[in-house]
Amino acid sequence: MNHTFAEATTGVAFVLTLSKRLCNTLLRLREHEKQFGKPEREFGRTVKEATAPGPAQISIVQTDTLNPLKRRGLVSWYIDSTGRPNGFQGLTKAGELVADMLGEAGMSVENTNTLSVLARIERNAA
């Protein structure tokens, strides 16, 4: 069970609010995991690099969009022996389900791009 997601959804009403940018990040992470799988850990290091090429252009995802997704229980991090985050773990089951719902609603990486995302893509291409 995802306790963070449960906390966010067990109130009087259930509302999950995601900005277009958060939807774009979630969909990019989903596409990346479909092609490369979840990040794996080996001796404290990520085996599959987050910047691996792929249809989602995952290298443009900014960390400031990951924290709101984490607070909603949609992504997670590996935890070290001191209880501190130590490497991105990927989408949670709830994150995968929300990404599926976004797809069902017709949302895609392409149609959720914001101007700032498009600018980062252009800068990376240069």
Protein backbone atom coordinates (compact mmCIF):
# COMPACT_ATOMS: atom_id res chain seq x y z
CA MET A 1 0.00 0.00 0.00
CA ASN A 2 1.17 3.52 -0.83
CA HIS A 3 0.69 5.40 2.44
CA THR A 4 1.46 8.82 0.93
CA PHE A 5 -1.19 8.37 -1.76
CA ALA A 6 -3.64 6.99 0.83
CA GLU A 7 -3.13 10.09 3.02
CA ALA A 8 -3.88 12.33 0.04
CA THR A 9 -7.08 10.49 -0.85
CA THR A 10 -8.77 9.52 2.42
CA GLY A 11 -10.16 12.91 3.37
CA VAL A 12 -13.79 13.97 3.05
CA ALA A 13 -13.28 14.56 -0.68
CA PHE A 14 -10.76 13.17 -3.12
CA VAL A 15 -9.14 15.70 -5.42
CA LEU A 16 -5.92 15.13 -7.29
CA THR A 17 -4.72 18.35 -8.86
CA LEU A 18 -1.91 18.23 -11.41
CA SER A 19 -0.70 21.16 -13.46
CA LYS A 20 -0.01 20.69 -17.16
CA ARG A 21 3.70 20.66 -16.33
CA LEU A 22 3.25 17.92 -13.70
CA CYS A 23 1.18 15.88 -16.17
CA ASN A 24 3.96 16.29 -18.74
CA THR A 25 6.60 15.12 -16.26
CA LEU A 26 4.51 12.13 -15.17
CA LEU A 27 3.89 11.11 -18.79
CA ARG A 28 7.60 11.52 -19.67
CA LEU A 29 8.58 9.32 -16.71
CA ARG A 30 6.00 6.73 -17.80
CA GLU A 31 7.30 6.66 -21.40
CA HIS A 32 10.88 6.39 -20.14
CA GLU A 33 10.02 3.47 -17.85
CA LYS A 34 8.16 1.71 -20.67
CA GLN A 35 11.31 1.75 -22.79
CA PHE A 36 14.06 1.38 -20.17
CA GLY A 37 12.32 0.00 -17.07
CA LYS A 38 12.51 1.43 -13.58
CA PRO A 39 15.84 2.83 -12.35
CA GLU A 40 17.87 0.05 -10.72
CA ARG A 41 20.34 0.39 -7.86
CA GLU A 42 23.71 -1.28 -7.58
CA PHE A 43 26.05 -0.40 -4.71
CA GLY A 44 24.34 2.95 -4.17
CA ARG A 45 24.47 4.05 -7.83
CA THR A 46 21.79 4.26 -10.46
CA VAL A 47 22.47 1.64 -13.13
CA LYS A 48 20.17 3.06 -15.80
CA GLU A 49 21.04 6.70 -16.27
CA ALA A 50 18.19 9.19 -16.08
CA THR A 51 19.53 10.88 -19.20
CA ALA A 52 19.30 7.77 -21.40
CA PRO A 53 17.94 8.63 -24.84
CA GLY A 54 14.34 7.82 -25.54
CA PRO A 55 11.04 9.14 -26.82
CA ALA A 56 10.34 10.99 -23.58
CA GLN A 57 13.53 13.12 -23.69
CA ILE A 58 13.83 12.45 -19.98
CA SER A 59 16.91 14.66 -19.62
CA ILE A 60 14.70 17.77 -19.72
CA VAL A 61 12.70 16.77 -16.61
CA GLN A 62 13.54 19.19 -13.81
CA THR A 63 13.76 18.10 -10.20
CA ASP A 64 11.38 20.85 -9.05
CA THR A 65 8.55 18.94 -10.76
CA LEU A 66 9.42 15.70 -8.98
CA ASN A 67 8.79 16.95 -5.44
CA PRO A 68 5.10 17.80 -6.02
CA LEU A 69 4.67 14.34 -7.58
CA LYS A 70 6.39 12.80 -4.54
CA ARG A 71 4.10 14.70 -2.13
CA ARG A 72 1.14 13.17 -3.96
CA GLY A 73 2.63 9.65 -3.74
CA LEU A 74 3.14 9.35 -7.51
CA VAL A 75 6.95 8.96 -7.55
CA SER A 76 9.46 7.70 -4.98
CA TRP A 77 13.14 7.66 -4.09
CA TYR A 78 15.43 4.95 -2.78
CA ILE A 79 16.13 5.46 0.91
CA ASP A 80 19.60 4.96 2.42
CA SER A 81 20.41 3.44 5.81
CA THR A 82 19.93 6.81 7.54
CA GLY A 83 16.43 7.21 6.11
CA ARG A 84 17.43 9.90 3.59
CA PRO A 85 16.53 9.86 -0.13
CA ASN A 86 19.33 8.37 -2.20
CA GLY A 87 18.41 8.13 -5.88
CA PHE A 88 15.22 8.33 -7.89
CA GLN A 89 13.21 5.08 -7.79
CA GLY A 90 10.55 5.91 -10.41
CA LEU A 91 6.78 5.92 -10.58
CA THR A 92 4.79 4.32 -7.81
CA LYS A 93 1.82 2.10 -8.65
CA ALA A 94 -0.41 5.14 -8.07
CA GLY A 95 1.79 7.13 -10.48
CA GLU A 96 1.44 4.43 -13.13
CA LEU A 97 -2.34 4.40 -12.69
CA VAL A 98 -2.60 8.20 -12.89
CA ALA A 99 -0.44 8.18 -16.04
CA ASP A 100 -2.81 5.57 -17.48
CA MET A 101 -5.78 7.82 -16.64
CA LEU A 102 -4.08 10.77 -18.33
CA GLY A 103 -3.59 8.63 -21.42
CA GLU A 104 -7.22 7.58 -21.30
CA ALA A 105 -8.16 11.27 -21.27
CA GLY A 106 -6.14 11.77 -24.46
CA MET A 107 -3.20 13.47 -22.81
CA SER A 108 0.28 12.77 -24.16
CA VAL A 109 3.81 14.05 -23.75
CA GLU A 110 3.34 16.15 -26.88
CA ASN A 111 0.05 17.82 -26.02
CA THR A 112 1.06 18.62 -22.43
CA ASN A 113 4.27 20.43 -23.39
CA THR A 114 4.43 23.91 -21.91
CA LEU A 115 6.44 26.81 -23.33
CA SER A 116 9.16 26.22 -20.71
CA VAL A 117 9.35 22.52 -21.64
CA LEU A 118 9.61 23.37 -25.34
CA ALA A 119 12.38 25.88 -24.56
CA ARG A 120 14.34 23.20 -22.62
CA ILE A 121 13.94 20.77 -25.54
CA GLU A 122 15.26 23.42 -27.92
CA ARG A 123 18.23 24.20 -25.63
CA ASN A 124 19.12 20.50 -25.36
CA ALA A 125 18.98 20.12 -29.14
CA ALA A 126 21.47 22.95 -29.64
